[in-house]
Amino acid sequence: MTDDLPQYLDARQFAELVQMHRQTVYQKLRAEEVPGARKIGGCWRIPRWAVEEVGTPAHLANA
C-alpha cells in the first residue's frame, strides 16, 4: 500500500481502493463488516489498513 494515502479514508476513497460500488461500501459499513470503521460527525472514517483486511472482491480476484 502506498504511503501517500491518508491514515483514514472516507467511503469514496475506500470504495475505489477495494473496487466496490460506494453504496455497497455503505451497506457494509452499516452492517459493521468493515474492520475499524467509525462514524465521526456523520462521516465514515475507515483506517487504511482495512483495505488489506477487506481485500479485493472475489469476482475480481479470480478474473
PDB file of N, CA and C in Angstrom:
ATOM      1  N   MET A   1       0.850  -1.169   0.000  1.00  0.00           N
ATOM      2  CA  MET A   1       0.000   0.000   0.000  1.00  0.00           C
ATOM      3  C   MET A   1       0.896   1.232   0.000  1.00  0.00           C
ATOM      4  N   THR A   2       0.458   2.253  -0.688  1.00  0.00           N
ATOM      5  CA  THR A   2       1.293   3.435  -0.805  1.00  0.00           C
ATOM      6  C   THR A   2       1.204   4.292   0.441  1.00  0.00           C
ATOM      7  N   ASP A   3       2.303   4.987   0.726  1.00  0.00           N
ATOM      8  CA  ASP A   3       2.357   5.843   1.902  1.00  0.00           C
ATOM      9  C   ASP A   3       1.674   7.183   1.677  1.00  0.00           C
ATOM     10  N   ASP A   4       1.287   7.489   0.435  1.00  0.00           N
ATOM     11  CA  ASP A   4       0.647   8.774   0.177  1.00  0.00           C
ATOM     12  C   ASP A   4      -0.837   8.774   0.532  1.00  0.00           C
ATOM     13  N   LEU A   5      -1.382   7.635   0.930  1.00  0.00           N
ATOM     14  CA  LEU A   5      -2.768   7.582   1.379  1.00  0.00           C
ATOM     15  C   LEU A   5      -2.863   8.145   2.792  1.00  0.00           C
ATOM     16  N   PRO A   6      -3.974   8.826   3.098  1.00  0.00           N
ATOM     17  CA  PRO A   6      -4.157   9.297   4.469  1.00  0.00           C
ATOM     18  C   PRO A   6      -4.354   8.113   5.412  1.00  0.00           C
ATOM     19  N   GLN A   7      -4.146   8.350   6.688  1.00  0.00           N
ATOM     20  CA  GLN A   7      -4.304   7.282   7.673  1.00  0.00           C
ATOM     21  C   GLN A   7      -5.747   6.781   7.715  1.00  0.00           C
ATOM     22  N   TYR A   8      -6.696   7.688   7.526  1.00  0.00           N
ATOM     23  CA  TYR A   8      -8.111   7.322   7.487  1.00  0.00           C
ATOM     24  C   TYR A   8      -8.708   7.738   6.155  1.00  0.00           C
ATOM     25  N   LEU A   9      -9.551   6.866   5.606  1.00  0.00           N
ATOM     26  CA  LEU A   9     -10.182   7.096   4.308  1.00  0.00           C
ATOM     27  C   LEU A   9     -11.658   7.390   4.504  1.00  0.00           C
ATOM     28  N   ASP A  10     -12.242   8.096   3.543  1.00  0.00           N
ATOM     29  CA  ASP A  10     -13.697   8.226   3.548  1.00  0.00           C
ATOM     30  C   ASP A  10     -14.274   7.087   2.710  1.00  0.00           C
ATOM     31  N   ALA A  11     -15.583   6.990   2.665  1.00  0.00           N
ATOM     32  CA  ALA A  11     -16.229   5.870   1.968  1.00  0.00           C
ATOM     33  C   ALA A  11     -15.895   5.860   0.483  1.00  0.00           C
ATOM     34  N   ARG A  12     -15.804   7.026  -0.139  1.00  0.00           N
ATOM     35  CA  ARG A  12     -15.495   7.101  -1.570  1.00  0.00           C
ATOM     36  C   ARG A  12     -14.095   6.566  -1.850  1.00  0.00           C
ATOM     37  N   GLN A  13     -13.119   7.002  -1.066  1.00  0.00           N
ATOM     38  CA  GLN A  13     -11.741   6.535  -1.252  1.00  0.00           C
ATOM     39  C   GLN A  13     -11.648   5.028  -1.032  1.00  0.00           C
ATOM     40  N   PHE A  14     -12.294   4.556   0.016  1.00  0.00           N
ATOM     41  CA  PHE A  14     -12.276   3.133   0.328  1.00  0.00           C
ATOM     42  C   PHE A  14     -12.903   2.325  -0.802  1.00  0.00           C
ATOM     43  N   ALA A  15     -14.040   2.796  -1.315  1.00  0.00           N
ATOM     44  CA  ALA A  15     -14.732   2.102  -2.406  1.00  0.00           C
ATOM     45  C   ALA A  15     -13.836   1.971  -3.632  1.00  0.00           C
ATOM     46  N   GLU A  16     -13.107   3.021  -3.958  1.00  0.00           N
ATOM     47  CA  GLU A  16     -12.203   2.973  -5.112  1.00  0.00           C
ATOM     48  C   GLU A  16     -11.092   1.952  -4.900  1.00  0.00           C
ATOM     49  N   LEU A  17     -10.531   1.927  -3.706  1.00  0.00           N
ATOM     50  CA  LEU A  17      -9.406   1.036  -3.434  1.00  0.00           C
ATOM     51  C   LEU A  17      -9.798  -0.438  -3.418  1.00  0.00           C
ATOM     52  N   VAL A  18     -10.988  -0.742  -2.918  1.00  0.00           N
ATOM     53  CA  VAL A  18     -11.415  -2.143  -2.866  1.00  0.00           C
ATOM     54  C   VAL A  18     -12.287  -2.517  -4.060  1.00  0.00           C
ATOM     55  N   GLN A  19     -12.452  -1.584  -4.972  1.00  0.00           N
ATOM     56  CA  GLN A  19     -13.186  -1.797  -6.222  1.00  0.00           C
ATOM     57  C   GLN A  19     -14.613  -2.274  -5.970  1.00  0.00           C
ATOM     58  N   MET A  20     -15.306  -1.538  -5.108  1.00  0.00           N
ATOM     59  CA  MET A  20     -16.716  -1.799  -4.827  1.00  0.00           C
ATOM     60  C   MET A  20     -17.505  -0.531  -5.127  1.00  0.00           C
ATOM     61  N   HIS A  21     -18.778  -0.703  -5.415  1.00  0.00           N
ATOM     62  CA  HIS A  21     -19.657   0.446  -5.572  1.00  0.00           C
ATOM     63  C   HIS A  21     -19.786   1.133  -4.215  1.00  0.00           C
ATOM     64  N   ARG A  22     -19.877   2.444  -4.238  1.00  0.00           N
ATOM     65  CA  ARG A  22     -19.934   3.199  -2.988  1.00  0.00           C
ATOM     66  C   ARG A  22     -21.128   2.789  -2.126  1.00  0.00           C
ATOM     67  N   GLN A  23     -22.270   2.516  -2.728  1.00  0.00           N
ATOM     68  CA  GLN A  23     -23.440   2.102  -1.947  1.00  0.00           C
ATOM     69  C   GLN A  23     -23.218   0.745  -1.273  1.00  0.00           C
ATOM     70  N   THR A  24     -22.477  -0.135  -1.928  1.00  0.00           N
ATOM     71  CA  THR A  24     -22.133  -1.426  -1.322  1.00  0.00           C
ATOM     72  C   THR A  24     -21.262  -1.208  -0.097  1.00  0.00           C
ATOM     73  N   VAL A  25     -20.326  -0.278  -0.204  1.00  0.00           N
ATOM     74  CA  VAL A  25     -19.463   0.045   0.937  1.00  0.00           C
ATOM     75  C   VAL A  25     -20.309   0.571   2.091  1.00  0.00           C
ATOM     76  N   TYR A  26     -21.247   1.467   1.807  1.00  0.00           N
ATOM     77  CA  TYR A  26     -22.111   1.987   2.870  1.00  0.00           C
ATOM     78  C   TYR A  26     -22.922   0.869   3.526  1.00  0.00           C
ATOM     79  N   GLN A  27     -23.396  -0.082   2.746  1.00  0.00           N
ATOM     80  CA  GLN A  27     -24.129  -1.215   3.316  1.00  0.00           C
ATOM     81  C   GLN A  27     -23.230  -2.012   4.248  1.00  0.00           C
ATOM     82  N   LYS A  28     -21.992  -2.244   3.825  1.00  0.00           N
ATOM     83  CA  LYS A  28     -21.044  -2.991   4.653  1.00  0.00           C
ATOM     84  C   LYS A  28     -20.687  -2.213   5.916  1.00  0.00           C
ATOM     85  N   LEU A  29     -20.576  -0.895   5.793  1.00  0.00           N
ATOM     86  CA  LEU A  29     -20.280  -0.066   6.962  1.00  0.00           C
ATOM     87  C   LEU A  29     -21.416  -0.150   7.980  1.00  0.00           C
ATOM     88  N   ARG A  30     -22.645  -0.024   7.518  1.00  0.00           N
ATOM     89  CA  ARG A  30     -23.798  -0.099   8.427  1.00  0.00           C
ATOM     90  C   ARG A  30     -23.925  -1.481   9.062  1.00  0.00           C
ATOM     91  N   ALA A  31     -23.530  -2.513   8.342  1.00  0.00           N
ATOM     92  CA  ALA A  31     -23.593  -3.886   8.864  1.00  0.00           C
ATOM     93  C   ALA A  31     -22.362  -4.233   9.701  1.00  0.00           C
ATOM     94  N   GLU A  32     -21.471  -3.261   9.888  1.00  0.00           N
ATOM     95  CA  GLU A  32     -20.235  -3.439  10.669  1.00  0.00           C
ATOM     96  C   GLU A  32     -19.347  -4.530  10.096  1.00  0.00           C
ATOM     97  N   GLU A  33     -19.269  -4.602   8.763  1.00  0.00           N
ATOM     98  CA  GLU A  33     -18.444  -5.598   8.083  1.00  0.00           C
ATOM     99  C   GLU A  33     -17.084  -5.051   7.659  1.00  0.00           C
ATOM    100  N   VAL A  34     -16.821  -3.795   7.970  1.00  0.00           N
ATOM    101  CA  VAL A  34     -15.526  -3.193   7.637  1.00  0.00           C
ATOM    102  C   VAL A  34     -14.787  -2.969   8.950  1.00  0.00           C
ATOM    103  N   PRO A  35     -13.690  -3.688   9.173  1.00  0.00           N
ATOM    104  CA  PRO A  35     -12.990  -3.593  10.452  1.00  0.00           C
ATOM    105  C   PRO A  35     -12.415  -2.202  10.693  1.00  0.00           C
ATOM    106  N   GLY A  36     -12.591  -1.725  11.920  1.00  0.00           N
ATOM    107  CA  GLY A  36     -12.004  -0.454  12.322  1.00  0.00           C
ATOM    108  C   GLY A  36     -12.759   0.783  11.881  1.00  0.00           C
ATOM    109  N   ALA A  37     -13.824   0.634  11.116  1.00  0.00           N
ATOM    110  CA  ALA A  37     -14.568   1.791  10.605  1.00  0.00           C
ATOM    111  C   ALA A  37     -15.377   2.438  11.725  1.00  0.00           C
ATOM    112  N   ARG A  38     -15.408   3.768  11.709  1.00  0.00           N
ATOM    113  CA  ARG A  38     -16.148   4.534  12.707  1.00  0.00           C
ATOM    114  C   ARG A  38     -16.879   5.677  12.018  1.00  0.00           C
ATOM    115  N   LYS A  39     -18.036   6.001  12.540  1.00  0.00           N
ATOM    116  CA  LYS A  39     -18.773   7.157  12.043  1.00  0.00           C
ATOM    117  C   LYS A  39     -18.491   8.312  12.991  1.00  0.00           C
ATOM    118  N   ILE A  40     -17.882   9.363  12.465  1.00  0.00           N
ATOM    119  CA  ILE A  40     -17.490  10.516  13.266  1.00  0.00           C
ATOM    120  C   ILE A  40     -18.128  11.753  12.655  1.00  0.00           C
ATOM    121  N   GLY A  41     -18.962  12.420  13.431  1.00  0.00           N
ATOM    122  CA  GLY A  41     -19.610  13.630  12.941  1.00  0.00           C
ATOM    123  C   GLY A  41     -20.424  13.411  11.685  1.00  0.00           C
ATOM    124  N   GLY A  42     -21.035  12.251  11.551  1.00  0.00           N
ATOM    125  CA  GLY A  42     -21.859  11.957  10.389  1.00  0.00           C
ATOM    126  C   GLY A  42     -21.094  11.442   9.185  1.00  0.00           C
ATOM    127  N   CYS A  43     -19.770  11.350   9.286  1.00  0.00           N
ATOM    128  CA  CYS A  43     -18.944  10.861   8.172  1.00  0.00           C
ATOM    129  C   CYS A  43     -18.228   9.584   8.589  1.00  0.00           C
ATOM    130  N   TRP A  44     -18.191   8.632   7.678  1.00  0.00           N
ATOM    131  CA  TRP A  44     -17.471   7.389   7.947  1.00  0.00           C
ATOM    132  C   TRP A  44     -15.980   7.614   7.776  1.00  0.00           C
ATOM    133  N   ARG A  45     -15.207   7.080   8.706  1.00  0.00           N
ATOM    134  CA  ARG A  45     -13.749   7.094   8.633  1.00  0.00           C
ATOM    135  C   ARG A  45     -13.283   5.654   8.742  1.00  0.00           C
ATOM    136  N   ILE A  46     -12.486   5.260   7.760  1.00  0.00           N
ATOM    137  CA  ILE A  46     -12.049   3.872   7.653  1.00  0.00           C
ATOM    138  C   ILE A  46     -10.525   3.855   7.666  1.00  0.00           C
ATOM    139  N   PRO A  47      -9.913   3.118   8.587  1.00  0.00           N
ATOM    140  CA  PRO A  47      -8.451   3.071   8.604  1.00  0.00           C
ATOM    141  C   PRO A  47      -7.924   2.427   7.325  1.00  0.00           C
ATOM    142  N   ARG A  48      -6.809   2.921   6.838  1.00  0.00           N
ATOM    143  CA  ARG A  48      -6.309   2.400   5.557  1.00  0.00           C
ATOM    144  C   ARG A  48      -5.913   0.930   5.639  1.00  0.00           C
ATOM    145  N   TRP A  49      -5.584   0.434   6.823  1.00  0.00           N
ATOM    146  CA  TRP A  49      -5.253  -0.990   6.939  1.00  0.00           C
ATOM    147  C   TRP A  49      -6.468  -1.869   6.661  1.00  0.00           C
ATOM    148  N   ALA A  50      -7.675  -1.305   6.759  1.00  0.00           N
ATOM    149  CA  ALA A  50      -8.883  -2.086   6.483  1.00  0.00           C
ATOM    150  C   ALA A  50      -8.971  -2.487   5.014  1.00  0.00           C
ATOM    151  N   VAL A  51      -8.295  -1.757   4.138  1.00  0.00           N
ATOM    152  CA  VAL A  51      -8.281  -2.116   2.711  1.00  0.00           C
ATOM    153  C   VAL A  51      -7.689  -3.506   2.544  1.00  0.00           C
ATOM    154  N   GLU A  52      -6.608  -3.777   3.243  1.00  0.00           N
ATOM    155  CA  GLU A  52      -5.972  -5.096   3.156  1.00  0.00           C
ATOM    156  C   GLU A  52      -6.840  -6.166   3.813  1.00  0.00           C
ATOM    157  N   GLU A  53      -7.557  -5.799   4.881  1.00  0.00           N
ATOM    158  CA  GLU A  53      -8.432  -6.759   5.562  1.00  0.00           C
ATOM    159  C   GLU A  53      -9.612  -7.156   4.677  1.00  0.00           C
ATOM    160  N   VAL A  54     -10.216  -6.166   4.033  1.00  0.00           N
ATOM    161  CA  VAL A  54     -11.372  -6.436   3.177  1.00  0.00           C
ATOM    162  C   VAL A  54     -10.917  -7.052   1.870  1.00  0.00           C
ATOM    163  N   GLY A  55      -9.828  -6.530   1.313  1.00  0.00           N
ATOM    164  CA  GLY A  55      -9.275  -7.076   0.080  1.00  0.00           C
ATOM    165  C   GLY A  55     -10.106  -6.762  -1.146  1.00  0.00           C
ATOM    166  N   THR A  56      -9.781  -7.441  -2.222  1.00  0.00           N
ATOM    167  CA  THR A  56     -10.480  -7.268  -3.487  1.00  0.00           C
ATOM    168  C   THR A  56     -11.645  -8.246  -3.543  1.00  0.00           C
ATOM    169  N   PRO A  57     -12.784  -7.823  -4.048  1.00  0.00           N
ATOM    170  CA  PRO A  57     -13.913  -8.755  -4.164  1.00  0.00           C
ATOM    171  C   PRO A  57     -13.528 -10.023  -4.923  1.00  0.00           C
ATOM    172  N   ALA A  58     -14.097 -11.143  -4.528  1.00  0.00           N
ATOM    173  CA  ALA A  58     -13.734 -12.445  -5.102  1.00  0.00           C
ATOM    174  C   ALA A  58     -13.919 -12.490  -6.611  1.00  0.00           C
ATOM    175  N   HIS A  59     -14.961 -11.863  -7.126  1.00  0.00           N
ATOM    176  CA  HIS A  59     -15.193 -11.927  -8.569  1.00  0.00           C
ATOM    177  C   HIS A  59     -14.115 -11.174  -9.351  1.00  0.00           C
ATOM    178  N   LEU A  60     -13.421 -10.245  -8.697  1.00  0.00           N
ATOM    179  CA  LEU A  60     -12.316  -9.546  -9.363  1.00  0.00           C
ATOM    180  C   LEU A  60     -10.993 -10.259  -9.126  1.00  0.00           C
ATOM    181  N   ALA A  61     -10.831 -10.852  -7.962  1.00  0.00           N
ATOM    182  CA  ALA A  61      -9.582 -11.538  -7.638  1.00  0.00           C
ATOM    183  C   ALA A  61      -9.391 -12.780  -8.499  1.00  0.00           C
ATOM    184  N   ASN A  62     -10.488 -13.427  -8.879  1.00  0.00           N
ATOM    185  CA  ASN A  62     -10.407 -14.655  -9.665  1.00  0.00           C
ATOM    186  C   ASN A  62     -10.458 -14.412 -11.164  1.00  0.00           C
ATOM    187  N   ALA A  63     -10.567 -13.165 -11.563  1.00  0.00           N
ATOM    188  CA  ALA A  63     -10.684 -12.852 -13.003  1.00  0.00           C
ATOM    189  C   ALA A  63      -9.375 -13.034 -13.731  1.00  0.00           C
TER     190      ALA A  63
END
